[in-house]
Amino acid sequence: MRAFQKTTSLFALLFACTCVLVSACGGDSGSSGAPDESEEDVHPAKEAGVDNKVSDATITKDKIYDSSIGSYLNTVQFGMYIWLEDNATESGSYGNTMCYNDDPDNCYAYGRMYHPGYARCPSGFSVPTKEDWSKTMAYISKYPEVASSFGFSMGGYCYEGLHGIACTDADKAGYYLAGDSTIAIVKGRSVSFRPADEQNFYQLRCVKYTYLVATVEDLPHCDSISRNTLQPFFVMSEKTNYKCSGTRWVDDFTNNCSSAENGMSAVYNDTMYICKFREWQVADISDSKDECTDKNDRTTYLFNGDLYACEDGDWRALKNLELKLGYCRPSMIGTLDSLETTTSASQSNYYSNEVRPYDSYAFYACDSTGWRTALLSDYMGKCDSTREFKEGELHEVRYVCRKGVWDTFTKLESEIGVCSPKKQGVIDTTESEVAYICDETSWRTATKYDYLGDCVPKVENKILPYGGDKYICLEDGWYKMNNLEVDMGLCTEKRDGEIESIIASPHLGIPLIPWTKKLDSAPRVIKERKPPPRVVRLITVKRMAGE
């Protein structure tokens, strides 16, 4: 029924881990919460159709403000790292930093160069370790989208030569400080290491940790040296902090985020975790970095297992009915759908113009206000003056458009049809042999005169049956014929003296012998009254032998 675009995460395993997106932001909005540890069935929101979900892009770019230089610095976020997008350019103490070939233009091209031990990183950032370089280069090699938007310039290095400072290998390789008196030599997507020369000048790119990882396997190397600098990491799959103890990571049984920046966040299995109020917690919709704008208006957004709709610049949580039927967006207006229900059609909370439950299903329509109980007009069209007495059927129930409303057929209408202007004067009979006449727009019990009609000259002498009897139209009205008149016809002046013969039968009340009768004079028939006394003369007709 519904076809919705579903997003697919590009974030695969980071160093053999499950997908994780890392980002940092400011602000203390929202409230704390904890993830539900119980395993449940798939949330209805995931079945309702999702246009977008919480950002899980492999790489995210942002900015930080560096107060030491009074300007913003671009950052690139992926995995458990937040790298500065550009090499360091901050001037250090005299004689310990320089530009390649002592040319200021090269500081813009390759960044500034530093003696080991004199690196200058913004607050919160530090010189990357060998492990950081190795993991980052592996990540760049694995994900093309990272390699296309993040990399390292190859600015060579400078050294003390026989005739003063000399520089070499620009545009051939990047020589970067890697901590522990080590340099990382970067060529394309590969990296190698060698000891640093304290008299040389090298490039510098600063990094910091998010202190969020997807699984225990994603934690950085823990040894007797790194344990002195590594702060606890929050492992999202375990929903707890781990700390480096000795040479291994152990569960710290805490969720504080004092080592991370407020607003630091990551996405794991479509759930966003955030450092807020000094604790790692499941984020709420106010923490989302995906904004509701005119571009994504009237689309759905899956955030932390709940489905939202972008409406007029705000995210609105979908209602239970929307989770089952899908979001009623403009393109779906006019859509009809149904859901299984335990509500009975006879329950009184339905209006007469609403479609009642049928065969254990309730029926709904999508309009500009969202999903609502379906109306008869949704299925059978609008009932107006142009469709007066138009008939329709829905779910084995027959309806008629009457005075702007779809009316259910009455029991009588179900048997003999609807009384409409086209059927004015029509008489019909039910199975129980009760006659009704269509009088204007409703049925009423038919009388003898409705059934026989007016006795006028045009129908004079016409004989019609009614109620098991026969009536004849005479000069002064309808006359009920007796049995003898039914068998032999009416005795009128024109038939005076006429002899008729019949086979006598018990209903005549005379002997079973051939007989005839004759009326001395024509009767005077009075409607609904017994005819006047008549003289009947029986003439016996003898049968001759051989006749």
Foldseek 3Di string as FASTA:
>chain_A
DDDADDDDAPADAQVNHGAKWKDFDDDFDDDFDADDPDDDDAFLLVVQHAHAEFDRHQKDKDWDAFPVVGGIFIWITHAQKIWTQAWEADDWDPPFKAAAVNDVVRCVVANIWGFPPTDDDGPQWDFAAPQVLVSVLVVCVVDVVCVVRGDHAAQFKWAQDPVGIHTDCHRNWAWEDHPPQKTWIDGRSDIDIDGHDRRMIHITIIMHGQLEHAAQVSDDWAAPVCLVPDDWHQHNVVRFTWHRDHGGIDTPRFFFDPSHDFRIWMDGPSWIWGHHPRGIGTDDPVSGPDWQDPVQAQGWYHHRSFIWHRHPGDTHTDDPVCSNNPWLGPVQALPKDKDFAPDDQPDDPDDPQFDGDAPRIFMWGRHPVGIDGHGPCSVVNWQDPVQAQPWDDDRNWIWGRHPRGTHTDDPVCVFVNWQAPVQALPWDAGPVGFIWGRHHGDIDGDDPCSVVDFLDPVQAQPWDDDPNWIWGRHDAGIFTDDPVCVVVNAQAQVCAPPWDWDQDDVVVVDDRAIKTWGWNHHWDGDPPDDIDDTDIDIDHDDDDPPD
